[in-house]
Amino acid sequence: MRPMEEIIEAIHRAETVAVVSHVNPDGDTIGSALALKLGLDKLGKRTALFCQDRVPDRIAFLRDAGAYRRPENAGDGRYDLLICVDVADEHRMGRCQCLTERCARSIQIDHHGTNPNYAEMNCVDAKAPATALVIHELLERLSVPMDADIAACLYVAISTDTGNFAFASTNPETFRVMAELMEAGLPLSELNRRLYRQREIPQVLLTQRCLSSLTFHHGGDITTMTLSKQDFTDCGAMAEHADTLVNYGLDILGVRMTALLRETSVPGEVKLSLRAVEPASVSGVAKHFGGGGHAQASGATVKGSLDEWLPRCVEAMAKALETGE
């Protein structure tokens, strides 16, 4: 039986489902999970949403975004199915890993090529521009009728993971699905404004601080930017306000790779966000540092300081450019 068919059969048999999004959630994991949850609701399933971290404010308007719970608030309930959505490996579940013991069977739906297929049932399509495209196919095959709420969730997921339809991963199927979402009543102009044209003051201040750290390396092929915890404090910003800042380092003529290194709320922890322009790839760099992702968009979370990791990151990116690996 093919992975998708096995998952469909398991969903039909289940009555209770726990849906998990990854740590430090982005638009794809939240939008995809919410679309799945709304679809499962229509099938009469009792569905619970879990994530160890809060839903970013800019996408908190999505239907049922307020239904997310922390794993420690799961109570003593048990579930027929655990479905991890856009969770590239078990560690990305964070504290939600504790839910595996409360679920009879496990499923994961993802699109990261570095995914190790950690669940009992795995549907990983590395060619999909976003996990939302896989969720769309699943809902279609489950005969879930599309509506404006599900369409909005899928749009947020697809558009954020394709750089607003600008990344090289964006394929014809992306636009075929978008046409269906618009036919279902997707308020495209309104949601596009919310996601890409409105900026909160802390985000603008953090952008200024981030750009002030912009540095060129390797003859201008590579750029880096850094953000400390103090930067976030000074700007009154949260982690989610840094989500798209890495792209500023890549959108410079002649730059082939970039990295944004930022301190997290955990002492001694640094998050690396890596981007590249085809044919260059940063997935090998991320994997070398214990992370993962896609060829042109990857990341890792490491232990140490910004001063320690900045030269290591530059060295690894330069090696990747020189070797093509």
Foldseek 3Di string as FASTA:
>chain_A
DDLLVVVLVLLLPWQEEEEEFFEPGALQRLLLSVLLVVLSVVVNHHYAYEAQDQDDPLPCPAPCSVRYDYLVPPPLAATQEYEYEQQQELVRRPPVNVNVVRYNAYEYQHQFPNRPPPGPRYHYNVLALGSLLVSVVSSVVNVRDDAQRSLQSSCSNNCVSCVNVPHPSRDPVNVVVNVVSVVRPHPVVVSCCSPPVDDDQLLVQLLVQFVVQWDADDVRQEIETEEEPVSCVVSVHDPVSCVPSQVVRQPDPNHFKYWYWYDHPDPQKIKIWIAGDPPAFCQVVQVVQVWGGGGGTIIHMHGHDPVVVVVVSVVSSVVCVVVVD
